[in-house]
Amino acid sequence: MEETDRKILALLAQDGRMSFTDLGRGTGLSTSAVHQRVKRLEQRGLIRGYGATIDYEQLGRPLTAFISIRPIDPAAPDDSPERLRDIEEIESCWSVAGEESYILKVRAETPSQLEGLLARIRSSANVSTRTTIVLNTFYENRPVT
């Protein structure tokens, strides 16, 4: 990948709403050249979308936790992601190697709300859980450099 494309990705990772004009200033390219490069990056799948960075504390979900899950019955179908898809507090679901099958990143309002969420996850997917509560986030979603 060219250095200019890396620079465009880094700038967009910092501010996904950056205009083509500002991207041009940051890369030394014309607005139309930047537009073409961004389109190519999107077509190649390097840019998969644009989104907002949410302040979950202000949204009312200040508690972040990682929940490792594994099936209670290892012979059961491996369909936990589908079973859990509609639980809105689950922000991310990763398939992992190791003792657990998946790790979920969740956002909750309170410890008691997290407790209820854990019960819903266990019953919906027939899994056991291991939970790690985040005390502080120093950085997250770091931009590409």
Protein backbone atom coordinates (compact mmCIF):
# COMPACT_ATOMS: atom_id res chain seq x y z
CA MET A 1 0.00 0.00 0.00
CA GLU A 2 1.28 3.44 -0.89
CA GLU A 3 2.30 5.90 1.80
CA THR A 4 -0.31 8.40 0.54
CA ASP A 5 -3.09 5.84 1.01
CA ARG A 6 -1.83 5.12 4.51
CA LYS A 7 -1.93 8.84 5.27
CA ILE A 8 -5.52 9.07 3.98
CA LEU A 9 -6.52 6.12 6.18
CA ALA A 10 -4.82 7.70 9.21
CA LEU A 11 -6.57 11.03 8.65
CA LEU A 12 -9.97 9.37 8.19
CA ALA A 13 -9.41 7.21 11.28
CA GLN A 14 -8.92 10.42 13.28
CA ASP A 15 -11.90 12.18 11.70
CA GLY A 16 -14.22 10.13 9.49
CA ARG A 17 -16.06 13.30 8.48
CA MET A 18 -12.96 15.04 7.11
CA SER A 19 -13.70 16.70 3.78
CA PHE A 20 -11.88 15.79 0.58
CA THR A 21 -10.45 19.31 0.59
CA ASP A 22 -8.96 18.82 4.07
CA LEU A 23 -7.70 15.36 3.11
CA GLY A 24 -6.02 16.99 0.12
CA ARG A 25 -4.33 19.52 2.38
CA GLY A 26 -3.14 16.75 4.65
CA THR A 27 -1.71 14.67 1.83
CA GLY A 28 -0.64 17.26 -0.72
CA LEU A 29 -3.13 15.98 -3.31
CA SER A 30 -5.89 17.75 -5.18
CA THR A 31 -9.46 17.30 -3.98
CA SER A 32 -10.35 15.16 -7.02
CA ALA A 33 -7.25 12.96 -6.57
CA VAL A 34 -8.13 12.38 -2.91
CA HIS A 35 -11.73 11.59 -3.86
CA GLN A 36 -10.53 8.96 -6.36
CA ARG A 37 -8.17 7.41 -3.83
CA VAL A 38 -10.85 7.25 -1.13
CA LYS A 39 -13.25 5.59 -3.60
CA ARG A 40 -10.57 2.99 -4.45
CA LEU A 41 -9.89 2.36 -0.76
CA GLU A 42 -13.62 1.82 -0.23
CA GLN A 43 -13.88 -0.50 -3.26
CA ARG A 44 -10.88 -2.53 -2.07
CA GLY A 45 -12.53 -2.92 1.34
CA LEU A 46 -9.86 -1.03 3.28
CA ILE A 47 -12.51 1.48 4.31
CA ARG A 48 -15.51 -0.55 5.42
CA GLY A 49 -17.61 2.31 6.75
CA TYR A 50 -17.72 5.54 8.67
CA GLY A 51 -19.04 5.94 12.18
CA ALA A 52 -19.34 8.13 15.20
CA THR A 53 -17.33 7.73 18.39
CA ILE A 54 -19.89 7.49 21.15
CA ASP A 55 -19.41 8.73 24.71
CA TYR A 56 -21.08 5.81 26.48
CA GLU A 57 -20.95 7.54 29.85
CA GLN A 58 -23.14 10.37 28.55
CA LEU A 59 -25.35 7.80 26.81
CA GLY A 60 -26.06 6.22 30.19
CA ARG A 61 -23.97 3.06 29.74
CA PRO A 62 -20.75 3.86 31.61
CA LEU A 63 -19.94 0.27 32.56
CA THR A 64 -17.87 -1.67 30.01
CA ALA A 65 -17.18 -5.39 30.43
CA PHE A 66 -15.68 -8.25 28.49
CA ILE A 67 -17.59 -11.50 28.79
CA SER A 68 -15.92 -14.74 27.77
CA ILE A 69 -18.43 -17.45 26.90
CA ARG A 70 -18.23 -21.16 26.19
CA PRO A 71 -20.99 -23.66 25.54
CA ILE A 72 -22.27 -25.71 28.45
CA ASP A 73 -22.73 -28.62 26.02
CA PRO A 74 -19.73 -28.77 23.66
CA ALA A 75 -21.71 -31.10 21.35
CA ALA A 76 -24.40 -28.44 20.80
CA PRO A 77 -24.35 -26.36 17.59
CA ASP A 78 -21.89 -23.46 17.62
CA ASP A 79 -24.51 -20.75 17.10
CA SER A 80 -23.92 -18.37 20.02
CA PRO A 81 -23.34 -15.27 17.83
CA GLU A 82 -26.72 -15.78 16.15
CA ARG A 83 -28.49 -16.42 19.46
CA LEU A 84 -27.02 -13.25 20.96
CA ARG A 85 -27.30 -10.98 17.91
CA ASP A 86 -30.37 -9.05 19.14
CA ILE A 87 -29.05 -8.21 22.63
CA GLU A 88 -28.38 -4.51 22.18
CA GLU A 89 -25.93 -4.18 25.06
CA ILE A 90 -23.45 -6.42 23.19
CA GLU A 91 -21.22 -4.10 21.19
CA SER A 92 -18.81 -6.69 19.73
CA CYS A 93 -18.47 -10.46 19.48
CA TRP A 94 -15.15 -12.12 18.65
CA SER A 95 -14.46 -15.81 18.00
CA VAL A 96 -11.28 -16.67 19.91
CA ALA A 97 -8.82 -19.49 20.43
CA GLY A 98 -8.35 -20.81 23.93
CA GLU A 99 -10.67 -22.08 26.65
CA GLU A 100 -13.52 -19.78 25.67
CA SER A 101 -15.33 -19.82 22.34
CA TYR A 102 -16.19 -16.12 22.11
CA ILE A 103 -15.48 -12.84 23.85
CA LEU A 104 -18.23 -10.22 24.02
CA LYS A 105 -17.71 -6.52 24.65
CA VAL A 106 -20.75 -5.13 26.42
CA ARG A 107 -21.92 -1.73 27.70
CA ALA A 108 -24.21 -1.54 30.72
CA GLU A 109 -25.81 1.09 32.93
CA THR A 110 -25.08 -0.40 36.36
CA PRO A 111 -23.61 -3.52 37.95
CA SER A 112 -27.12 -4.86 38.57
CA GLN A 113 -28.02 -4.27 34.90
CA LEU A 114 -24.84 -6.17 33.95
CA GLU A 115 -25.95 -9.00 36.23
CA GLY A 116 -29.28 -9.21 34.39
CA LEU A 117 -27.47 -9.07 31.04
CA LEU A 118 -25.28 -11.99 32.08
CA ALA A 119 -28.38 -14.01 32.95
CA ARG A 120 -29.90 -13.24 29.54
CA ILE A 121 -26.69 -14.22 27.75
CA ARG A 122 -26.44 -17.50 29.67
CA SER A 123 -30.04 -18.48 29.00
CA SER A 124 -30.16 -17.27 25.37
CA ALA A 125 -27.03 -19.10 24.24
CA ASN A 126 -26.82 -21.92 26.84
CA VAL A 127 -23.29 -20.87 27.80
CA SER A 128 -21.15 -20.34 30.85
CA THR A 129 -19.56 -16.91 31.30
CA ARG A 130 -16.46 -15.30 32.77
CA THR A 131 -16.62 -11.53 33.14
CA THR A 132 -13.96 -8.83 33.32
CA ILE A 133 -15.16 -5.32 34.20
CA VAL A 134 -13.23 -2.39 32.73
CA LEU A 135 -12.13 0.13 35.36
CA ASN A 136 -10.61 2.70 32.99
CA THR A 137 -9.98 2.97 29.24
CA PHE A 138 -6.75 4.74 28.36
CA TYR A 139 -7.15 4.38 24.59
CA GLU A 140 -9.44 2.56 22.23
CA ASN A 141 -9.87 2.36 18.45
CA ARG A 142 -6.43 3.84 17.87
CA PRO A 143 -5.98 5.32 14.41
CA VAL A 144 -3.79 3.64 11.82
CA THR A 145 -0.35 5.21 11.40
